[in-house]
């Protein structure tokens, strides 16, 4: 019985994570990044993932930025554009990094 229950929880977790990732908007990012626990962990992971893939220029030494620093950069940017919170969060986070670290 316990194995069946654990399998059910695992399936529900996978399904909710998959659905969450498909429609992850700026609004969801703001909710998760201002929360605690799993939401904050997901937020940090999402922001780090976008950071690794974005083409923003970074100043020398910026490779050592912490997840918290990157999250604050992203959230400050997104917080100032609530009219765009319906946009995919990856686009907004990428824009935040491009603004914070413009190419010279």
PDB file of N, CA and C in Angstrom:
ATOM      1  N   UNK A   1       0.818  -1.192   0.000  1.00  0.00           N
ATOM      2  CA  UNK A   1       0.000   0.000   0.000  1.00  0.00           C
ATOM      3  C   UNK A   1       0.863   1.257   0.000  1.00  0.00           C
ATOM      4  N   UNK A   2       1.937   1.239   0.825  1.00  0.00           N
ATOM      5  CA  UNK A   2       2.816   2.398   0.883  1.00  0.00           C
ATOM      6  C   UNK A   2       3.486   2.649  -0.463  1.00  0.00           C
ATOM      7  N   UNK A   3       3.883   1.561  -1.148  1.00  0.00           N
ATOM      8  CA  UNK A   3       4.529   1.707  -2.451  1.00  0.00           C
ATOM      9  C   UNK A   3       3.572   2.329  -3.461  1.00  0.00           C
ATOM     10  N   UNK A   4       2.328   1.925  -3.420  1.00  0.00           N
ATOM     11  CA  UNK A   4       1.319   2.468  -4.323  1.00  0.00           C
ATOM     12  C   UNK A   4       1.091   3.951  -4.040  1.00  0.00           C
ATOM     13  N   UNK A   5       1.029   4.302  -2.778  1.00  0.00           N
ATOM     14  CA  UNK A   5       0.846   5.697  -2.390  1.00  0.00           C
ATOM     15  C   UNK A   5       2.033   6.539  -2.837  1.00  0.00           C
ATOM     16  N   UNK A   6       3.260   6.056  -2.626  1.00  0.00           N
ATOM     17  CA  UNK A   6       4.454   6.776  -3.049  1.00  0.00           C
ATOM     18  C   UNK A   6       4.504   6.929  -4.568  1.00  0.00           C
ATOM     19  N   UNK A   7       4.109   5.906  -5.290  1.00  0.00           N
ATOM     20  CA  UNK A   7       4.083   5.984  -6.748  1.00  0.00           C
ATOM     21  C   UNK A   7       3.077   7.043  -7.202  1.00  0.00           C
ATOM     22  N   UNK A   8       1.941   7.096  -6.547  1.00  0.00           N
ATOM     23  CA  UNK A   8       0.930   8.108  -6.880  1.00  0.00           C
ATOM     24  C   UNK A   8       1.427   9.513  -6.623  1.00  0.00           C
ATOM     25  N   UNK A   9       2.109   9.719  -5.517  1.00  0.00           N
ATOM     26  CA  UNK A   9       2.670  11.028  -5.199  1.00  0.00           C
ATOM     27  C   UNK A   9       3.725  11.401  -6.233  1.00  0.00           C
ATOM     28  N   UNK A  10       4.554  10.453  -6.630  1.00  0.00           N
ATOM     29  CA  UNK A  10       5.591  10.726  -7.624  1.00  0.00           C
ATOM     30  C   UNK A  10       4.972  11.135  -8.956  1.00  0.00           C
ATOM     31  N   UNK A  11       3.918  10.452  -9.381  1.00  0.00           N
ATOM     32  CA  UNK A  11       3.249  10.790 -10.637  1.00  0.00           C
ATOM     33  C   UNK A  11       2.639  12.177 -10.552  1.00  0.00           C
ATOM     34  N   UNK A  12       1.965  12.481  -9.471  1.00  0.00           N
ATOM     35  CA  UNK A  12       1.367  13.808  -9.308  1.00  0.00           C
ATOM     36  C   UNK A  12       2.434  14.894  -9.302  1.00  0.00           C
ATOM     37  N   UNK A  13       3.558  14.629  -8.664  1.00  0.00           N
ATOM     38  CA  UNK A  13       4.649  15.607  -8.630  1.00  0.00           C
ATOM     39  C   UNK A  13       5.196  15.851 -10.020  1.00  0.00           C
ATOM     40  N   UNK A  14       5.417  14.810 -10.778  1.00  0.00           N
ATOM     41  CA  UNK A  14       5.931  14.940 -12.139  1.00  0.00           C
ATOM     42  C   UNK A  14       4.935  15.688 -13.010  1.00  0.00           C
ATOM     43  N   UNK A  15       3.658  15.336 -12.910  1.00  0.00           N
ATOM     44  CA  UNK A  15       2.640  16.001 -13.728  1.00  0.00           C
ATOM     45  C   UNK A  15       2.525  17.474 -13.370  1.00  0.00           C
ATOM     46  N   UNK A  16       2.538  17.812 -12.086  1.00  0.00           N
ATOM     47  CA  UNK A  16       2.400  19.220 -11.707  1.00  0.00           C
ATOM     48  C   UNK A  16       3.641  20.007 -12.077  1.00  0.00           C
ATOM     49  N   UNK A  17       4.816  19.382 -12.014  1.00  0.00           N
ATOM     50  CA  UNK A  17       6.043  20.067 -12.412  1.00  0.00           C
ATOM     51  C   UNK A  17       6.045  20.304 -13.909  1.00  0.00           C
ATOM     52  N   UNK A  18       5.614  19.338 -14.686  1.00  0.00           N
ATOM     53  CA  UNK A  18       5.576  19.490 -16.137  1.00  0.00           C
ATOM     54  C   UNK A  18       4.614  20.604 -16.533  1.00  0.00           C
ATOM     55  N   UNK A  19       3.445  20.624 -15.950  1.00  0.00           N
ATOM     56  CA  UNK A  19       2.471  21.657 -16.277  1.00  0.00           C
ATOM     57  C   UNK A  19       2.989  23.018 -15.836  1.00  0.00           C
ATOM     58  N   UNK A  20       3.656  23.054 -14.702  1.00  0.00           N
ATOM     59  CA  UNK A  20       4.177  24.304 -14.165  1.00  0.00           C
ATOM     60  C   UNK A  20       5.217  24.889 -15.124  1.00  0.00           C
ATOM     61  N   UNK A  21       6.088  24.058 -15.669  1.00  0.00           N
ATOM     62  CA  UNK A  21       7.162  24.536 -16.531  1.00  0.00           C
ATOM     63  C   UNK A  21       6.639  25.015 -17.878  1.00  0.00           C
ATOM     64  N   UNK A  22       5.562  24.447 -18.375  1.00  0.00           N
ATOM     65  CA  UNK A  22       5.051  24.797 -19.701  1.00  0.00           C
ATOM     66  C   UNK A  22       4.471  26.203 -19.766  1.00  0.00           C
ATOM     67  N   UNK A  23       3.910  26.701 -18.702  1.00  0.00           N
ATOM     68  CA  UNK A  23       3.246  28.005 -18.713  1.00  0.00           C
ATOM     69  C   UNK A  23       3.807  28.899 -17.606  1.00  0.00           C
ATOM     70  N   UNK A  24       5.094  28.887 -17.433  1.00  0.00           N
ATOM     71  CA  UNK A  24       5.721  29.628 -16.343  1.00  0.00           C
ATOM     72  C   UNK A  24       5.875  31.091 -16.751  1.00  0.00           C
ATOM     73  N   UNK A  25       4.962  31.907 -16.257  1.00  0.00           N
ATOM     74  CA  UNK A  25       4.920  33.323 -16.633  1.00  0.00           C
ATOM     75  C   UNK A  25       5.646  34.193 -15.607  1.00  0.00           C
ATOM     76  N   UNK A  26       5.743  35.468 -15.935  1.00  0.00           N
ATOM     77  CA  UNK A  26       6.319  36.423 -14.998  1.00  0.00           C
ATOM     78  C   UNK A  26       5.553  36.471 -13.688  1.00  0.00           C
ATOM     79  N   UNK A  27       4.250  36.320 -13.760  1.00  0.00           N
ATOM     80  CA  UNK A  27       3.422  36.309 -12.557  1.00  0.00           C
ATOM     81  C   UNK A  27       3.784  35.134 -11.657  1.00  0.00           C
ATOM     82  N   UNK A  28       3.966  33.949 -12.250  1.00  0.00           N
ATOM     83  CA  UNK A  28       4.363  32.766 -11.480  1.00  0.00           C
ATOM     84  C   UNK A  28       5.764  32.946 -10.902  1.00  0.00           C
ATOM     85  N   UNK A  29       6.636  33.557 -11.669  1.00  0.00           N
ATOM     86  CA  UNK A  29       7.998  33.820 -11.195  1.00  0.00           C
ATOM     87  C   UNK A  29       7.960  34.728  -9.970  1.00  0.00           C
ATOM     88  N   UNK A  30       7.174  35.798 -10.039  1.00  0.00           N
ATOM     89  CA  UNK A  30       7.066  36.711  -8.906  1.00  0.00           C
ATOM     90  C   UNK A  30       6.525  35.991  -7.679  1.00  0.00           C
ATOM     91  N   UNK A  31       5.541  35.132  -7.868  1.00  0.00           N
ATOM     92  CA  UNK A  31       4.960  34.375  -6.752  1.00  0.00           C
ATOM     93  C   UNK A  31       6.011  33.460  -6.124  1.00  0.00           C
ATOM     94  N   UNK A  32       6.701  32.691  -6.966  1.00  0.00           N
ATOM     95  CA  UNK A  32       7.669  31.728  -6.446  1.00  0.00           C
ATOM     96  C   UNK A  32       8.883  32.410  -5.823  1.00  0.00           C
ATOM     97  N   UNK A  33       9.352  33.466  -6.444  1.00  0.00           N
ATOM     98  CA  UNK A  33      10.569  34.119  -5.960  1.00  0.00           C
ATOM     99  C   UNK A  33      10.340  34.926  -4.693  1.00  0.00           C
ATOM    100  N   UNK A  34       9.110  35.243  -4.398  1.00  0.00           N
ATOM    101  CA  UNK A  34       8.845  35.983  -3.167  1.00  0.00           C
ATOM    102  C   UNK A  34       8.424  35.055  -2.044  1.00  0.00           C
ATOM    103  N   UNK A  35       8.356  33.775  -2.329  1.00  0.00           N
ATOM    104  CA  UNK A  35       7.936  32.797  -1.331  1.00  0.00           C
ATOM    105  C   UNK A  35       9.100  32.122  -0.655  1.00  0.00           C
ATOM    106  N   UNK A  36       8.799  31.033  -0.030  1.00  0.00           N
ATOM    107  CA  UNK A  36       9.790  30.260   0.695  1.00  0.00           C
ATOM    108  C   UNK A  36       9.651  28.796   0.293  1.00  0.00           C
ATOM    109  N   UNK A  37      10.614  27.998   0.653  1.00  0.00           N
ATOM    110  CA  UNK A  37      10.528  26.564   0.423  1.00  0.00           C
ATOM    111  C   UNK A  37      10.699  26.182  -1.028  1.00  0.00           C
ATOM    112  N   UNK A  38       9.830  25.292  -1.499  1.00  0.00           N
ATOM    113  CA  UNK A  38       9.957  24.762  -2.856  1.00  0.00           C
ATOM    114  C   UNK A  38       9.845  25.833  -3.924  1.00  0.00           C
ATOM    115  N   UNK A  39       8.975  26.809  -3.743  1.00  0.00           N
ATOM    116  CA  UNK A  39       8.823  27.873  -4.729  1.00  0.00           C
ATOM    117  C   UNK A  39      10.103  28.658  -4.918  1.00  0.00           C
ATOM    118  N   UNK A  40      10.760  28.978  -3.822  1.00  0.00           N
ATOM    119  CA  UNK A  40      12.005  29.729  -3.896  1.00  0.00           C
ATOM    120  C   UNK A  40      13.111  28.895  -4.538  1.00  0.00           C
ATOM    121  N   UNK A  41      13.137  27.625  -4.229  1.00  0.00           N
ATOM    122  CA  UNK A  41      14.115  26.726  -4.853  1.00  0.00           C
ATOM    123  C   UNK A  41      13.890  26.619  -6.352  1.00  0.00           C
ATOM    124  N   UNK A  42      12.630  26.508  -6.757  1.00  0.00           N
ATOM    125  CA  UNK A  42      12.311  26.452  -8.187  1.00  0.00           C
ATOM    126  C   UNK A  42      12.709  27.760  -8.850  1.00  0.00           C
ATOM    127  N   UNK A  43      12.417  28.878  -8.192  1.00  0.00           N
ATOM    128  CA  UNK A  43      12.765  30.193  -8.711  1.00  0.00           C
ATOM    129  C   UNK A  43      14.264  30.297  -8.944  1.00  0.00           C
ATOM    130  N   UNK A  44      15.059  29.948  -7.934  1.00  0.00           N
ATOM    131  CA  UNK A  44      16.517  30.011  -8.072  1.00  0.00           C
ATOM    132  C   UNK A  44      17.003  29.132  -9.217  1.00  0.00           C
ATOM    133  N   UNK A  45      16.472  27.937  -9.316  1.00  0.00           N
ATOM    134  CA  UNK A  45      16.872  27.028 -10.397  1.00  0.00           C
ATOM    135  C   UNK A  45      16.505  27.572 -11.765  1.00  0.00           C
ATOM    136  N   UNK A  46      15.322  28.149 -11.862  1.00  0.00           N
ATOM    137  CA  UNK A  46      14.874  28.718 -13.130  1.00  0.00           C
ATOM    138  C   UNK A  46      15.769  29.883 -13.536  1.00  0.00           C
ATOM    139  N   UNK A  47      16.026  30.790 -12.595  1.00  0.00           N
ATOM    140  CA  UNK A  47      16.859  31.968 -12.884  1.00  0.00           C
ATOM    141  C   UNK A  47      18.280  31.537 -13.254  1.00  0.00           C
ATOM    142  N   UNK A  48      18.832  30.556 -12.546  1.00  0.00           N
ATOM    143  CA  UNK A  48      20.166  30.057 -12.882  1.00  0.00           C
ATOM    144  C   UNK A  48      20.188  29.440 -14.273  1.00  0.00           C
ATOM    145  N   UNK A  49      19.144  28.695 -14.607  1.00  0.00           N
ATOM    146  CA  UNK A  49      19.067  28.092 -15.940  1.00  0.00           C
ATOM    147  C   UNK A  49      19.038  29.134 -17.037  1.00  0.00           C
ATOM    148  N   UNK A  50      18.252  30.168 -16.844  1.00  0.00           N
ATOM    149  CA  UNK A  50      18.195  31.244 -17.842  1.00  0.00           C
ATOM    150  C   UNK A  50      19.536  31.958 -17.902  1.00  0.00           C
ATOM    151  N   UNK A  51      20.153  32.164 -16.756  1.00  0.00           N
ATOM    152  CA  UNK A  51      21.459  32.821 -16.703  1.00  0.00           C
ATOM    153  C   UNK A  51      22.500  32.055 -17.511  1.00  0.00           C
ATOM    154  N   UNK A  52      22.455  30.744 -17.428  1.00  0.00           N
ATOM    155  CA  UNK A  52      23.414  29.926 -18.170  1.00  0.00           C
ATOM    156  C   UNK A  52      23.184  29.977 -19.671  1.00  0.00           C
ATOM    157  N   UNK A  53      21.965  30.283 -20.090  1.00  0.00           N
ATOM    158  CA  UNK A  53      21.627  30.268 -21.510  1.00  0.00           C
ATOM    159  C   UNK A  53      21.543  31.655 -22.146  1.00  0.00           C
ATOM    160  N   UNK A  54      21.519  32.706 -21.346  1.00  0.00           N
ATOM    161  CA  UNK A  54      21.342  34.044 -21.903  1.00  0.00           C
ATOM    162  C   UNK A  54      22.625  34.531 -22.562  1.00  0.00           C
ATOM    163  N   UNK A  55      22.467  35.436 -23.512  1.00  0.00           N
ATOM    164  CA  UNK A  55      23.610  35.955 -24.253  1.00  0.00           C
ATOM    165  C   UNK A  55      24.040  37.319 -23.735  1.00  0.00           C
ATOM    166  N   UNK A  56      23.634  37.670 -22.525  1.00  0.00           N
ATOM    167  CA  UNK A  56      24.017  38.960 -21.947  1.00  0.00           C
ATOM    168  C   UNK A  56      25.527  38.999 -21.739  1.00  0.00           C
ATOM    169  N   UNK A  57      26.080  40.170 -21.885  1.00  0.00           N
ATOM    170  CA  UNK A  57      27.494  40.348 -21.588  1.00  0.00           C
ATOM    171  C   UNK A  57      27.640  40.455 -20.076  1.00  0.00           C
ATOM    172  N   UNK A  58      28.707  39.953 -19.564  1.00  0.00           N
ATOM    173  CA  UNK A  58      28.916  40.005 -18.122  1.00  0.00           C
ATOM    174  C   UNK A  58      30.255  40.680 -17.846  1.00  0.00           C
ATOM    175  N   UNK A  59      30.290  41.546 -16.842  1.00  0.00           N
ATOM    176  CA  UNK A  59      31.564  42.166 -16.494  1.00  0.00           C
ATOM    177  C   UNK A  59      32.553  41.124 -15.973  1.00  0.00           C
ATOM    178  N   UNK A  60      33.840  41.437 -16.063  1.00  0.00           N
ATOM    179  CA  UNK A  60      34.853  40.502 -15.567  1.00  0.00           C
ATOM    180  C   UNK A  60      34.577  40.197 -14.104  1.00  0.00           C
ATOM    181  N   UNK A  61      34.678  38.939 -13.743  1.00  0.00           N
ATOM    182  CA  UNK A  61      34.438  38.524 -12.370  1.00  0.00           C
ATOM    183  C   UNK A  61      32.985  38.205 -12.069  1.00  0.00           C
ATOM    184  N   UNK A  62      32.074  38.435 -13.015  1.00  0.00           N
ATOM    185  CA  UNK A  62      30.650  38.209 -12.762  1.00  0.00           C
ATOM    186  C   UNK A  62      30.287  36.735 -12.776  1.00  0.00           C
ATOM    187  N   UNK A  63      31.203  35.876 -13.143  1.00  0.00           N
ATOM    188  CA  UNK A  63      30.899  34.447 -13.159  1.00  0.00           C
ATOM    189  C   UNK A  63      30.665  33.903 -11.760  1.00  0.00           C
ATOM    190  N   UNK A  64      31.090  34.637 -10.735  1.00  0.00           N
ATOM    191  CA  UNK A  64      30.916  34.181  -9.368  1.00  0.00           C
ATOM    192  C   UNK A  64      29.649  34.679  -8.700  1.00  0.00           C
ATOM    193  N   UNK A  65      28.708  35.210  -9.476  1.00  0.00           N
ATOM    194  CA  UNK A  65      27.457  35.695  -8.892  1.00  0.00           C
ATOM    195  C   UNK A  65      26.680  34.538  -8.275  1.00  0.00           C
ATOM    196  N   UNK A  66      26.124  34.778  -7.105  1.00  0.00           N
ATOM    197  CA  UNK A  66      25.354  33.727  -6.434  1.00  0.00           C
ATOM    198  C   UNK A  66      23.941  33.655  -7.011  1.00  0.00           C
ATOM    199  N   UNK A  67      23.269  32.566  -6.706  1.00  0.00           N
ATOM    200  CA  UNK A  67      21.876  32.407  -7.132  1.00  0.00           C
ATOM    201  C   UNK A  67      21.015  33.515  -6.546  1.00  0.00           C
ATOM    202  N   UNK A  68      21.305  33.910  -5.321  1.00  0.00           N
ATOM    203  CA  UNK A  68      20.545  34.992  -4.695  1.00  0.00           C
ATOM    204  C   UNK A  68      20.734  36.306  -5.437  1.00  0.00           C
ATOM    205  N   UNK A  69      21.965  36.612  -5.838  1.00  0.00           N
ATOM    206  CA  UNK A  69      22.227  37.843  -6.580  1.00  0.00           C
ATOM    207  C   UNK A  69      21.494  37.838  -7.919  1.00  0.00           C
ATOM    208  N   UNK A  70      21.566  36.718  -8.621  1.00  0.00           N
ATOM    209  CA  UNK A  70      20.893  36.618  -9.919  1.00  0.00           C
ATOM    210  C   UNK A  70      19.386  36.747  -9.753  1.00  0.00           C
ATOM    211  N   UNK A  71      18.847  36.124  -8.693  1.00  0.00           N
ATOM    212  CA  UNK A  71      17.410  36.202  -8.443  1.00  0.00           C
ATOM    213  C   UNK A  71      16.989  37.652  -8.188  1.00  0.00           C
ATOM    214  N   UNK A  72      17.764  38.384  -7.404  1.00  0.00           N
ATOM    215  CA  UNK A  72      17.420  39.775  -7.100  1.00  0.00           C
ATOM    216  C   UNK A  72      17.453  40.624  -8.369  1.00  0.00           C
ATOM    217  N   UNK A  73      18.445  40.426  -9.217  1.00  0.00           N
ATOM    218  CA  UNK A  73      18.518  41.158 -10.494  1.00  0.00           C
ATOM    219  C   UNK A  73      17.260  40.902 -11.313  1.00  0.00           C
ATOM    220  N   UNK A  74      16.874  39.637 -11.413  1.00  0.00           N
ATOM    221  CA  UNK A  74      15.699  39.264 -12.205  1.00  0.00           C
ATOM    222  C   UNK A  74      14.420  39.837 -11.603  1.00  0.00           C
ATOM    223  N   UNK A  75      14.240  39.682 -10.302  1.00  0.00           N
ATOM    224  CA  UNK A  75      13.000  40.106  -9.654  1.00  0.00           C
ATOM    225  C   UNK A  75      12.845  41.618  -9.658  1.00  0.00           C
ATOM    226  N   UNK A  76      13.920  42.344  -9.473  1.00  0.00           N
ATOM    227  CA  UNK A  76      13.810  43.815  -9.519  1.00  0.00           C
ATOM    228  C   UNK A  76      13.344  44.274 -10.897  1.00  0.00           C
ATOM    229  N   UNK A  77      13.862  43.640 -11.932  1.00  0.00           N
ATOM    230  CA  UNK A  77      13.455  43.999 -13.287  1.00  0.00           C
ATOM    231  C   UNK A  77      11.984  43.651 -13.517  1.00  0.00           C
ATOM    232  N   UNK A  78      11.622  42.407 -13.223  1.00  0.00           N
ATOM    233  CA  UNK A  78      10.257  41.939 -13.476  1.00  0.00           C
ATOM    234  C   UNK A  78       9.250  42.696 -12.606  1.00  0.00           C
ATOM    235  N   UNK A  79       9.613  43.004 -11.393  1.00  0.00           N
ATOM    236  CA  UNK A  79       8.726  43.734 -10.490  1.00  0.00           C
ATOM    237  C   UNK A  79       8.318  45.093 -11.071  1.00  0.00           C
ATOM    238  N   UNK A  80       9.186  45.695 -11.859  1.00  0.00           N
ATOM    239  CA  UNK A  80       8.919  47.025 -12.421  1.00  0.00           C
ATOM    240  C   UNK A  80       8.105  47.000 -13.715  1.00  0.00           C
ATOM    241  N   UNK A  81       7.748  45.818 -14.185  1.00  0.00           N
ATOM    242  CA  UNK A  81       6.963  45.731 -15.425  1.00  0.00           C
ATOM    243  C   UNK A  81       5.747  44.809 -15.247  1.00  0.00           C
ATOM    244  N   UNK A  82       4.858  45.116 -14.310  1.00  0.00           N
ATOM    245  CA  UNK A  82       3.716  44.222 -14.075  1.00  0.00           C
ATOM    246  C   UNK A  82       2.810  44.070 -15.296  1.00  0.00           C
ATOM    247  N   UNK A  83       2.829  45.023 -16.206  1.00  0.00           N
ATOM    248  CA  UNK A  83       2.018  44.921 -17.416  1.00  0.00           C
ATOM    249  C   UNK A  83       2.510  43.802 -18.345  1.00  0.00           C
ATOM    250  N   UNK A  84       3.677  43.235 -18.068  1.00  0.00           N
ATOM    251  CA  UNK A  84       4.216  42.154 -18.899  1.00  0.00           C
ATOM    252  C   UNK A  84       4.312  40.829 -18.147  1.00  0.00           C
ATOM    253  N   UNK A  85       3.693  40.716 -16.999  1.00  0.00           N
ATOM    254  CA  UNK A  85       3.785  39.496 -16.208  1.00  0.00           C
ATOM    255  C   UNK A  85       3.144  38.297 -16.890  1.00  0.00           C
ATOM    256  N   UNK A  86       2.390  38.506 -17.935  1.00  0.00           N
ATOM    257  CA  UNK A  86       1.778  37.393 -18.668  1.00  0.00           C
ATOM    258  C   UNK A  86       2.778  36.731 -19.624  1.00  0.00           C
ATOM    259  N   UNK A  87       3.916  37.362 -19.837  1.00  0.00           N
ATOM    260  CA  UNK A  87       4.951  36.864 -20.755  1.00  0.00           C
ATOM    261  C   UNK A  87       5.718  35.724 -20.085  1.00  0.00           C
ATOM    262  N   UNK A  88       6.236  34.801 -20.906  1.00  0.00           N
ATOM    263  CA  UNK A  88       7.025  33.686 -20.391  1.00  0.00           C
ATOM    264  C   UNK A  88       8.167  34.233 -19.540  1.00  0.00           C
ATOM    265  N   UNK A  89       8.361  33.684 -18.363  1.00  0.00           N
ATOM    266  CA  UNK A  89       9.351  34.170 -17.403  1.00  0.00           C
ATOM    267  C   UNK A  89      10.769  34.133 -17.953  1.00  0.00           C
ATOM    268  N   UNK A  90      11.084  33.169 -18.799  1.00  0.00           N
ATOM    269  CA  UNK A  90      12.429  33.080 -19.371  1.00  0.00           C
ATOM    270  C   UNK A  90      12.790  34.307 -20.181  1.00  0.00           C
ATOM    271  N   UNK A  91      11.830  34.833 -20.914  1.00  0.00           N
ATOM    272  CA  UNK A  91      12.051  36.052 -21.700  1.00  0.00           C
ATOM    273  C   UNK A  91      12.338  37.223 -20.776  1.00  0.00           C
ATOM    274  N   UNK A  92      11.551  37.353 -19.712  1.00  0.00           N
ATOM    275  CA  UNK A  92      11.709  38.472 -18.790  1.00  0.00           C
ATOM    276  C   UNK A  92      13.033  38.407 -18.040  1.00  0.00           C
ATOM    277  N   UNK A  93      13.421  37.217 -17.603  1.00  0.00           N
ATOM    278  CA  UNK A  93      14.683  37.058 -16.878  1.00  0.00           C
ATOM    279  C   UNK A  93      15.866  37.347 -17.806  1.00  0.00           C
ATOM    280  N   UNK A  94      15.785  36.891 -19.032  1.00  0.00           N
ATOM    281  CA  UNK A  94      16.841  37.177 -20.007  1.00  0.00           C
ATOM    282  C   UNK A  94      16.974  38.678 -20.242  1.00  0.00           C
ATOM    283  N   UNK A  95      15.847  39.367 -20.359  1.00  0.00           N
ATOM    284  CA  UNK A  95      15.865  40.824 -20.514  1.00  0.00           C
ATOM    285  C   UNK A  95      16.514  41.485 -19.301  1.00  0.00           C
ATOM    286  N   UNK A  96      16.239  40.966 -18.113  1.00  0.00           N
ATOM    287  CA  UNK A  96      16.821  41.536 -16.895  1.00  0.00           C
ATOM    288  C   UNK A  96      18.338  41.449 -16.935  1.00  0.00           C
ATOM    289  N   UNK A  97      18.871  40.296 -17.356  1.00  0.00           N
ATOM    290  CA  UNK A  97      20.313  40.132 -17.412  1.00  0.00           C
ATOM    291  C   UNK A  97      20.930  40.995 -18.513  1.00  0.00           C
ATOM    292  N   UNK A  98      20.236  41.123 -19.613  1.00  0.00           N
ATOM    293  CA  UNK A  98      20.753  41.969 -20.699  1.00  0.00           C
ATOM    294  C   UNK A  98      20.793  43.431 -20.276  1.00  0.00           C
ATOM    295  N   UNK A  99      19.823  43.844 -19.459  1.00  0.00           N
ATOM    296  CA  UNK A  99      19.819  45.215 -18.954  1.00  0.00           C
ATOM    297  C   UNK A  99      20.906  45.403 -17.890  1.00  0.00           C
ATOM    298  N   UNK A 100      21.068  44.423 -17.020  1.00  0.00           N
ATOM    299  CA  UNK A 100      22.053  44.523 -15.949  1.00  0.00           C
ATOM    300  C   UNK A 100      23.486  44.436 -16.474  1.00  0.00           C
ATOM    301  N   UNK A 101      23.679  43.656 -17.523  1.00  0.00           N
ATOM    302  CA  UNK A 101      25.020  43.442 -18.074  1.00  0.00           C
ATOM    303  C   UNK A 101      25.033  43.745 -19.573  1.00  0.00           C
ATOM    304  N   UNK A 102      24.873  45.025 -19.937  1.00  0.00           N
ATOM    305  CA  UNK A 102      24.826  45.356 -21.362  1.00  0.00           C
ATOM    306  C   UNK A 102      26.196  45.147 -22.033  1.00  0.00           C
ATOM    307  N   UNK A 103      26.137  44.796 -23.289  1.00  0.00           N
ATOM    308  CA  UNK A 103      27.384  44.633 -24.056  1.00  0.00           C
ATOM    309  C   UNK A 103      27.961  46.014 -24.360  1.00  0.00           C
ATOM    310  N   UNK A 104      29.256  46.146 -24.257  1.00  0.00           N
ATOM    311  CA  UNK A 104      29.923  47.424 -24.529  1.00  0.00           C
ATOM    312  C   UNK A 104      30.503  47.432 -25.931  1.00  0.00           C
TER     313      UNK A 104
END
